[in-house]
């Protein structure tokens, strides 16, 4: 077997997630110019995040079944092609309804690309490198908040929102070219089935872990989905200061993304997630109580960003290590929960910001976060106490799920890409 470093492929997958994240969230910082051009209320722009996220949530399991037997690289390219089409359609949209339709296409492409990118990243490295690999791949999403969203917000005020979204589409095309050259063929493994999804959901700990993802993202996007309008109403932020706040949010988020795998290794998955949940609860309590001055808002957003990204990669790693041979199904389900939470949160934020006001909206995420704590506690009881590396022996029910699969998703020695430490660096 040919020896080949996994680093270029992981970086390219991260770039793909960067385009996905920027495409999905750029409208957060472009709310004002889009609303003015298409004659809608600024709070209505949150529905663009809702549409993208809801399509992703519904389509991810379906596309996993429909494309499950196809080579992973080909699936990733199909996803990027749909994202490109949706991005160009968004940039050219003459009406808000047309923009919504283009977001549907882009969300479908993201549903094809996202879960497969995470699963592929975990497949092309040895088992002990999975936390780092997933952090690298999902780090593209974090980088989108560092560079993509704030740069899109700044560009929207200078070159306009249409050219900004067109630039994101061009970046998507560039990632397609890079991916075709950097990622070797990756065997698909058995195609997921509806019965396989049900069987996996019955494994101990799976439903509580995925429920935790859903609740955490719902909580956060109640505010983040309308960040531009929220920051203006709560802290008096002008457009330029919204961009600055989002830039700080993303930069600190990169730190959290780097710290997350280290905490996972030292504390285990359950304790890392518990710490992240505690930090998020403190965040929204602070947003509710903080004075309405911009420095306070920027400080709390920075604190929020750290615990947001400490949560993300360890949560994915917990799922992969829970049932390694069902990683494709688990990551598709987790991605659906993630984007369903984004959709629900954005819908709540755009609908309730005018009614509750910014301070009232700040307190609303505390309810789903409290429920997330309960779901997380249930997941730790279901899966048993994790070891310091966050792994544990499967329970009898989990083991039955693993052995019931006819062939594992883990590539075999004959697959185009192996998983032994000897073939990856």
Protein backbone atom coordinates (compact mmCIF):
# COMPACT_ATOMS: atom_id res chain seq x y z
CA UNK A 1 0.00 0.00 0.00
CA UNK A 2 1.24 3.47 -0.86
CA UNK A 3 2.31 5.59 2.08
CA UNK A 4 0.69 8.97 2.03
CA UNK A 5 0.38 11.72 4.59
CA UNK A 6 -3.16 12.47 5.71
CA UNK A 7 -2.37 16.13 6.46
CA UNK A 8 -3.11 17.62 2.99
CA UNK A 9 -6.42 15.78 2.84
CA UNK A 10 -7.39 16.90 6.37
CA UNK A 11 -6.51 20.52 5.57
CA UNK A 12 -8.56 20.39 2.36
CA UNK A 13 -11.52 18.90 4.21
CA UNK A 14 -11.16 21.75 6.71
CA UNK A 15 -11.21 24.26 3.85
CA UNK A 16 -14.38 22.61 2.63
CA UNK A 17 -15.92 23.06 6.07
CA UNK A 18 -14.71 26.66 5.98
CA UNK A 19 -16.71 27.31 2.80
CA UNK A 20 -19.70 25.46 4.28
CA UNK A 21 -19.57 27.50 7.46
CA UNK A 22 -19.08 30.78 5.64
CA UNK A 23 -21.91 30.02 3.20
CA UNK A 24 -24.29 29.10 6.02
CA UNK A 25 -23.44 31.96 8.39
CA UNK A 26 -22.31 34.86 6.17
CA UNK A 27 -25.88 36.17 6.13
CA UNK A 28 -25.61 36.73 9.90
CA UNK A 29 -23.27 39.66 9.25
CA UNK A 30 -24.95 40.70 5.99
CA UNK A 31 -28.39 41.18 7.47
CA UNK A 32 -28.56 44.96 7.07
CA UNK A 33 -27.54 45.24 3.38
CA UNK A 34 -29.62 42.21 2.33
CA UNK A 35 -32.67 43.54 4.18
CA UNK A 36 -32.28 46.99 2.64
CA UNK A 37 -31.80 45.65 -0.90
CA UNK A 38 -34.62 43.08 -0.81
CA UNK A 39 -37.00 45.18 1.32
CA UNK A 40 -37.43 42.93 4.35
CA UNK A 41 -36.95 43.49 8.08
CA UNK A 42 -33.38 42.88 9.40
CA UNK A 43 -34.69 40.28 11.87
CA UNK A 44 -36.17 38.35 8.93
CA UNK A 45 -32.67 37.56 7.67
CA UNK A 46 -32.42 35.00 10.46
CA UNK A 47 -34.82 32.84 8.45
CA UNK A 48 -32.07 32.39 5.83
CA UNK A 49 -30.05 30.56 8.47
CA UNK A 50 -33.19 28.63 9.43
CA UNK A 51 -33.84 27.48 5.85
CA UNK A 52 -30.24 26.41 5.23
CA UNK A 53 -30.03 24.60 8.55
CA UNK A 54 -33.42 22.88 8.29
CA UNK A 55 -32.62 21.54 4.81
CA UNK A 56 -29.29 20.28 6.13
CA UNK A 57 -30.93 18.60 9.12
CA UNK A 58 -33.55 16.81 7.04
CA UNK A 59 -31.31 15.90 4.11
CA UNK A 60 -28.19 14.63 5.91
CA UNK A 61 -29.61 11.19 6.85
CA UNK A 62 -31.40 10.83 3.51
CA UNK A 63 -28.32 11.62 1.44
CA UNK A 64 -26.26 9.28 3.62
CA UNK A 65 -28.61 6.47 2.54
CA UNK A 66 -28.87 7.56 -1.10
CA UNK A 67 -25.11 8.04 -1.64
CA UNK A 68 -23.81 5.58 0.92
CA UNK A 69 -22.24 3.15 -1.56
CA UNK A 70 -20.43 5.83 -3.54
CA UNK A 71 -16.72 6.61 -3.17
CA UNK A 72 -16.31 9.25 -0.45
CA UNK A 73 -14.33 11.65 -2.64
CA UNK A 74 -17.06 11.63 -5.27
CA UNK A 75 -19.72 12.30 -2.64
CA UNK A 76 -17.72 15.24 -1.29
CA UNK A 77 -17.38 16.71 -4.79
CA UNK A 78 -21.13 16.36 -5.39
CA UNK A 79 -21.79 18.22 -2.15
CA UNK A 80 -19.42 21.03 -3.08
CA UNK A 81 -20.98 21.31 -6.55
CA UNK A 82 -24.43 21.81 -5.02
CA UNK A 83 -23.00 24.36 -2.59
CA UNK A 84 -21.46 26.19 -5.56
CA UNK A 85 -24.78 26.27 -7.42
CA UNK A 86 -26.60 27.51 -4.33
CA UNK A 87 -23.95 30.14 -3.68
CA UNK A 88 -24.14 31.54 -7.21
CA UNK A 89 -27.93 31.51 -7.02
CA UNK A 90 -27.80 33.44 -3.75
CA UNK A 91 -25.50 36.09 -5.21
CA UNK A 92 -27.80 36.59 -8.21
CA UNK A 93 -31.15 36.35 -6.39
CA UNK A 94 -33.49 39.19 -7.49
CA UNK A 95 -35.98 38.65 -4.64
CA UNK A 96 -35.98 37.35 -1.10
CA UNK A 97 -37.99 34.30 -2.19
CA UNK A 98 -35.36 33.47 -4.82
CA UNK A 99 -32.65 33.86 -2.19
CA UNK A 100 -34.50 31.41 0.06
CA UNK A 101 -34.70 28.90 -2.83
CA UNK A 102 -30.96 29.22 -3.46
CA UNK A 103 -30.33 28.59 0.23
CA UNK A 104 -32.26 25.34 -0.09
CA UNK A 105 -29.84 24.16 -2.81
CA UNK A 106 -26.81 25.25 -0.78
CA UNK A 107 -28.17 23.53 2.33
CA UNK A 108 -28.64 20.30 0.38
CA UNK A 109 -25.01 20.45 -0.77
CA UNK A 110 -23.86 21.08 2.78
CA UNK A 111 -25.87 18.06 3.96
CA UNK A 112 -24.02 15.90 1.44
CA UNK A 113 -20.58 17.32 2.25
CA UNK A 114 -20.52 17.93 6.02
CA UNK A 115 -21.08 14.49 7.60
CA UNK A 116 -18.97 12.75 4.96
CA UNK A 117 -16.11 15.21 5.52
CA UNK A 118 -16.09 14.45 9.26
CA UNK A 119 -16.36 10.70 8.72
CA UNK A 120 -13.62 10.72 6.08
CA UNK A 121 -11.32 12.71 8.33
CA UNK A 122 -11.71 10.10 11.07
CA UNK A 123 -11.15 7.24 8.59
CA UNK A 124 -7.84 8.33 7.12
CA UNK A 125 -5.93 8.52 10.41
CA UNK A 126 -5.08 5.97 13.12
CA UNK A 127 -7.59 5.63 15.96
CA UNK A 128 -5.45 7.53 18.46
CA UNK A 129 -5.38 10.57 16.12
CA UNK A 130 -9.16 10.81 15.64
CA UNK A 131 -9.73 13.64 18.17
CA UNK A 132 -7.08 15.74 16.44
CA UNK A 133 -8.34 14.85 12.94
CA UNK A 134 -11.92 15.78 13.79
CA UNK A 135 -10.70 19.01 15.39
CA UNK A 136 -8.76 19.87 12.23
CA UNK A 137 -11.70 19.15 9.93
CA UNK A 138 -14.29 20.92 12.07
CA UNK A 139 -11.74 23.67 12.65
CA UNK A 140 -12.74 24.87 9.20
CA UNK A 141 -16.14 25.71 10.63
CA UNK A 142 -14.46 27.59 13.46
CA UNK A 143 -12.23 29.41 10.98
CA UNK A 144 -15.37 30.47 9.15
CA UNK A 145 -16.40 32.37 12.28
CA UNK A 146 -12.88 33.84 12.57
CA UNK A 147 -12.46 34.98 8.99
CA UNK A 148 -15.49 34.08 6.90
CA UNK A 149 -18.32 35.70 8.84
CA UNK A 150 -16.58 38.93 9.94
CA UNK A 151 -14.92 39.41 6.53
CA UNK A 152 -18.25 38.83 4.84
CA UNK A 153 -19.79 41.40 7.15
CA UNK A 154 -17.06 43.93 6.34
CA UNK A 155 -17.18 43.19 2.61
CA UNK A 156 -20.93 43.64 2.58
CA UNK A 157 -20.52 47.27 3.56
CA UNK A 158 -17.90 47.94 0.86
CA UNK A 159 -18.46 45.78 -2.24
CA UNK A 160 -22.03 44.75 -1.42
CA UNK A 161 -23.60 41.52 -0.25
CA UNK A 162 -23.95 40.07 -3.77
CA UNK A 163 -20.24 40.25 -4.56
CA UNK A 164 -19.51 38.89 -1.10
CA UNK A 165 -21.63 35.79 -1.68
CA UNK A 166 -20.14 35.43 -5.16
CA UNK A 167 -16.66 35.35 -3.61
CA UNK A 168 -17.77 32.53 -1.31
CA UNK A 169 -18.95 30.62 -4.38
CA UNK A 170 -15.57 31.12 -6.07
CA UNK A 171 -13.86 29.78 -2.95
CA UNK A 172 -16.11 26.72 -3.08
CA UNK A 173 -14.98 26.05 -6.65
CA UNK A 174 -11.33 26.32 -5.57
CA UNK A 175 -11.89 23.79 -2.78
CA UNK A 176 -13.41 21.39 -5.31
CA UNK A 177 -10.21 21.51 -7.34
CA UNK A 178 -8.01 21.04 -4.27
CA UNK A 179 -10.07 18.15 -2.98
CA UNK A 180 -9.89 16.29 -6.28
CA UNK A 181 -6.10 16.43 -6.09
CA UNK A 182 -5.38 15.94 -2.39
CA UNK A 183 -7.83 13.27 -1.21
CA UNK A 184 -7.13 9.68 -2.29
CA UNK A 185 -10.05 7.35 -3.01
CA UNK A 186 -11.77 6.34 0.23
CA UNK A 187 -13.89 3.20 0.27
CA UNK A 188 -17.54 3.88 1.04
CA UNK A 189 -18.27 0.85 3.15
CA UNK A 190 -21.83 -0.44 3.47
CA UNK A 191 -24.60 1.99 2.65
CA UNK A 192 -26.58 3.10 5.71
CA UNK A 193 -30.19 1.93 5.79
CA UNK A 194 -33.28 3.07 7.66
CA UNK A 195 -33.01 -0.06 9.79
CA UNK A 196 -29.36 0.73 10.47
CA UNK A 197 -30.26 4.23 11.67
CA UNK A 198 -32.88 2.83 14.04
CA UNK A 199 -30.49 0.15 15.32
CA UNK A 200 -27.80 2.74 15.95
CA UNK A 201 -30.20 5.06 17.76
CA UNK A 202 -31.02 2.21 20.14
CA UNK A 203 -27.40 1.86 21.25
CA UNK A 204 -26.80 3.16 24.80
CA UNK A 205 -25.90 6.83 24.93
CA UNK A 206 -26.56 7.72 21.29
CA UNK A 207 -29.91 9.53 21.69
CA UNK A 208 -28.81 11.52 24.78
CA UNK A 209 -25.55 12.62 23.09
CA UNK A 210 -27.33 13.72 19.92
CA UNK A 211 -30.04 15.42 21.99
CA UNK A 212 -27.31 17.37 23.77
CA UNK A 213 -26.05 18.64 20.40
CA UNK A 214 -29.56 19.66 19.37
CA UNK A 215 -30.26 21.56 22.58
CA UNK A 216 -26.86 23.31 22.72
CA UNK A 217 -27.13 24.57 19.14
CA UNK A 218 -30.74 25.67 19.63
CA UNK A 219 -29.66 27.69 22.64
CA UNK A 220 -26.73 29.37 20.94
CA UNK A 221 -28.44 30.24 17.66
CA UNK A 222 -31.34 31.88 19.42
CA UNK A 223 -28.88 34.77 19.77
CA UNK A 224 -26.15 34.04 17.21
CA UNK A 225 -28.64 33.53 14.36
CA UNK A 226 -29.62 37.20 14.68
CA UNK A 227 -26.23 38.43 15.91
CA UNK A 228 -26.20 41.62 13.85
CA UNK A 229 -29.62 42.81 14.98
CA UNK A 230 -29.01 41.54 18.53
CA UNK A 231 -25.70 43.36 18.99
CA UNK A 232 -27.21 46.58 17.64
CA UNK A 233 -30.20 46.37 19.98
CA UNK A 234 -28.43 45.07 23.11
CA UNK A 235 -25.10 46.90 22.97
CA UNK A 236 -25.64 49.67 20.42
CA UNK A 237 -23.17 48.16 17.94
CA UNK A 238 -22.89 49.83 14.54
CA UNK A 239 -22.18 47.70 11.46
CA UNK A 240 -18.40 48.00 11.81
CA UNK A 241 -18.55 47.02 15.48
CA UNK A 242 -20.68 43.97 14.61
CA UNK A 243 -17.86 42.86 12.31
CA UNK A 244 -15.29 43.46 15.06
CA UNK A 245 -17.32 41.50 17.61
CA UNK A 246 -17.71 38.56 15.24
CA UNK A 247 -13.99 38.67 14.49
CA UNK A 248 -13.19 38.48 18.21
CA UNK A 249 -15.73 35.68 18.58
CA UNK A 250 -14.06 33.66 15.84
CA UNK A 251 -10.49 34.30 17.00
CA UNK A 252 -11.22 33.12 20.53
CA UNK A 253 -13.16 30.22 19.05
CA UNK A 254 -9.99 29.02 17.34
CA UNK A 255 -8.33 28.87 20.75
CA UNK A 256 -11.20 26.78 22.08
CA UNK A 257 -11.00 24.47 19.08
CA UNK A 258 -7.31 23.85 19.82
CA UNK A 259 -7.88 23.36 23.55
CA UNK A 260 -10.86 21.02 23.14
CA UNK A 261 -8.93 17.88 22.03
CA UNK A 262 -6.36 18.41 24.79
CA UNK A 263 -9.09 18.64 27.40
CA UNK A 264 -10.67 15.54 25.89
CA UNK A 265 -7.42 13.62 26.30
CA UNK A 266 -6.85 14.86 29.85
CA UNK A 267 -10.39 14.90 31.26
CA UNK A 268 -12.30 12.51 29.02
CA UNK A 269 -15.25 13.35 26.82
CA UNK A 270 -17.94 13.52 29.49
CA UNK A 271 -16.08 16.02 31.71
CA UNK A 272 -15.03 18.15 28.75
CA UNK A 273 -18.64 18.46 27.59
CA UNK A 274 -19.77 19.21 31.14
CA UNK A 275 -17.23 22.05 31.38
CA UNK A 276 -18.39 23.46 28.04
CA UNK A 277 -22.03 23.39 29.14
CA UNK A 278 -21.17 25.20 32.36
CA UNK A 279 -19.35 27.88 30.36
CA UNK A 280 -22.28 28.33 27.99
CA UNK A 281 -24.75 28.70 30.86
CA UNK A 282 -22.49 31.35 32.39
CA UNK A 283 -22.36 33.09 29.00
CA UNK A 284 -26.09 33.66 28.63
CA UNK A 285 -26.48 34.58 32.27
CA UNK A 286 -23.82 37.24 31.65
CA UNK A 287 -25.48 38.45 28.44
CA UNK A 288 -28.71 38.89 30.40
CA UNK A 289 -27.09 40.79 33.27
CA UNK A 290 -24.35 42.76 31.48
CA UNK A 291 -24.66 46.52 31.05
CA UNK A 292 -25.63 47.63 27.55
CA UNK A 293 -22.18 48.90 26.57
CA UNK A 294 -20.21 47.45 23.68
CA UNK A 295 -17.00 46.46 25.56
CA UNK A 296 -19.10 44.28 27.87
CA UNK A 297 -20.78 42.67 24.88
CA UNK A 298 -17.47 41.93 23.14
CA UNK A 299 -16.06 40.43 26.35
CA UNK A 300 -19.02 38.10 26.87
CA UNK A 301 -19.01 37.08 23.18
CA UNK A 302 -15.32 36.16 23.52
CA UNK A 303 -16.06 34.04 26.60
CA UNK A 304 -18.94 32.40 24.72
CA UNK A 305 -16.76 31.59 21.70
CA UNK A 306 -14.24 29.63 23.77
CA UNK A 307 -16.80 27.26 25.29
CA UNK A 308 -18.72 26.96 22.03
CA UNK A 309 -15.75 25.38 20.25
CA UNK A 310 -14.56 23.42 23.28
CA UNK A 311 -17.91 21.62 22.93
CA UNK A 312 -17.88 20.86 19.18
CA UNK A 313 -14.99 18.51 18.33
CA UNK A 314 -15.11 16.53 21.61
CA UNK A 315 -18.82 15.90 21.06
CA UNK A 316 -18.10 14.39 17.63
CA UNK A 317 -15.23 12.34 19.03
CA UNK A 318 -17.47 10.92 21.76
CA UNK A 319 -19.83 9.62 19.09
CA UNK A 320 -17.08 8.14 16.91
CA UNK A 321 -15.53 6.33 19.86
CA UNK A 322 -18.93 5.14 21.08
CA UNK A 323 -19.49 3.07 17.90
CA UNK A 324 -16.47 3.40 15.56
CA UNK A 325 -17.93 1.11 12.92
CA UNK A 326 -21.09 3.23 12.68
CA UNK A 327 -19.32 6.57 12.45
CA UNK A 328 -20.99 7.51 9.15
CA UNK A 329 -24.47 7.04 10.59
CA UNK A 330 -23.60 8.71 13.90
CA UNK A 331 -21.97 11.77 12.33
CA UNK A 332 -24.89 12.18 9.91
CA UNK A 333 -27.33 12.07 12.84
CA UNK A 334 -25.19 14.48 14.86
CA UNK A 335 -24.91 16.87 11.91
CA UNK A 336 -28.68 16.75 11.50
CA UNK A 337 -29.11 17.58 15.18
CA UNK A 338 -26.55 20.37 14.91
CA UNK A 339 -28.26 22.05 11.96
CA UNK A 340 -31.76 21.40 13.27
CA UNK A 341 -30.66 23.23 16.41
CA UNK A 342 -29.29 26.08 14.29
CA UNK A 343 -32.60 26.20 12.42
CA UNK A 344 -34.78 26.18 15.53
CA UNK A 345 -32.59 28.70 17.33
CA UNK A 346 -32.51 31.11 14.39
CA UNK A 347 -36.27 30.81 13.97
CA UNK A 348 -36.79 31.57 17.66
CA UNK A 349 -34.37 34.48 17.55
CA UNK A 350 -35.82 36.13 14.46
CA UNK A 351 -39.37 35.67 15.76
CA UNK A 352 -38.86 36.65 19.39
CA UNK A 353 -36.27 39.45 19.21
CA UNK A 354 -38.89 42.08 18.30
CA UNK A 355 -41.27 40.79 21.02
CA UNK A 356 -38.88 40.13 23.91
CA UNK A 357 -36.21 42.69 23.17
CA UNK A 358 -32.50 41.91 23.21
CA UNK A 359 -32.15 41.51 26.98
CA UNK A 360 -35.15 39.19 27.18
CA UNK A 361 -33.80 37.12 24.28
CA UNK A 362 -30.48 36.76 26.15
CA UNK A 363 -32.14 34.72 28.90
CA UNK A 364 -34.08 32.38 26.62
CA UNK A 365 -31.12 30.04 25.82
CA UNK A 366 -30.82 29.12 29.51
CA UNK A 367 -33.83 26.79 29.17
CA UNK A 368 -32.47 24.55 26.38
CA UNK A 369 -29.02 24.60 28.03
CA UNK A 370 -30.53 23.33 31.28
CA UNK A 371 -32.19 20.53 29.32
CA UNK A 372 -28.82 19.85 27.62
CA UNK A 373 -27.23 19.31 31.02
CA UNK A 374 -29.88 16.70 31.80
CA UNK A 375 -29.34 14.97 28.44
CA UNK A 376 -25.58 14.94 28.98
CA UNK A 377 -25.94 13.42 32.45
CA UNK A 378 -28.17 10.73 30.97
CA UNK A 379 -25.58 10.01 28.25
CA UNK A 380 -22.83 9.47 30.81
CA UNK A 381 -25.01 7.04 32.75
CA UNK A 382 -25.92 5.18 29.56
CA UNK A 383 -22.39 4.73 28.27
CA UNK A 384 -20.56 4.22 31.57
CA UNK A 385 -17.70 6.19 33.04
CA UNK A 386 -15.17 7.09 30.31
CA UNK A 387 -11.47 6.47 30.67
CA UNK A 388 -9.01 9.42 30.60
CA UNK A 389 -8.89 9.07 26.81
CA UNK A 390 -12.65 9.17 26.59
CA UNK A 391 -12.97 5.57 25.43
CA UNK A 392 -14.71 2.67 27.03
CA UNK A 393 -15.68 -0.87 26.31
CA UNK A 394 -18.96 -1.07 24.42
CA UNK A 395 -21.92 -2.29 26.38
CA UNK A 396 -23.65 -5.42 25.21
CA UNK A 397 -26.21 -3.41 23.29
CA UNK A 398 -23.57 -1.26 21.64
CA UNK A 399 -21.59 -4.32 20.76
CA UNK A 400 -24.62 -5.84 19.11
CA UNK A 401 -24.91 -2.80 16.87
CA UNK A 402 -21.26 -3.11 15.86
CA UNK A 403 -21.44 -6.80 15.10
CA UNK A 404 -24.76 -6.52 13.28
CA UNK A 405 -23.13 -4.52 10.49
CA UNK A 406 -22.15 -6.83 7.65
CA UNK A 407 -19.03 -4.83 6.87
CA UNK A 408 -17.60 -1.99 8.94
CA UNK A 409 -17.26 1.58 7.72
CA UNK A 410 -13.63 1.39 8.80
CA UNK A 411 -11.63 0.73 5.57
CA UNK A 412 -10.02 -2.67 5.42
CA UNK A 413 -6.46 -3.42 4.44
CA UNK A 414 -7.64 -3.75 0.84
CA UNK A 415 -9.38 -0.41 0.78
CA UNK A 416 -7.82 2.50 -1.10
CA UNK A 417 -7.11 4.25 2.20
CA UNK A 418 -6.12 2.28 5.30
CA UNK A 419 -6.13 3.19 8.92
CA UNK A 420 -2.90 1.80 10.25
CA UNK A 421 -0.42 4.13 11.84
CA UNK A 422 2.18 3.00 9.36
CA UNK A 423 0.38 4.55 6.43
CA UNK A 424 -0.35 7.98 7.91
CA UNK A 425 1.77 10.72 9.32
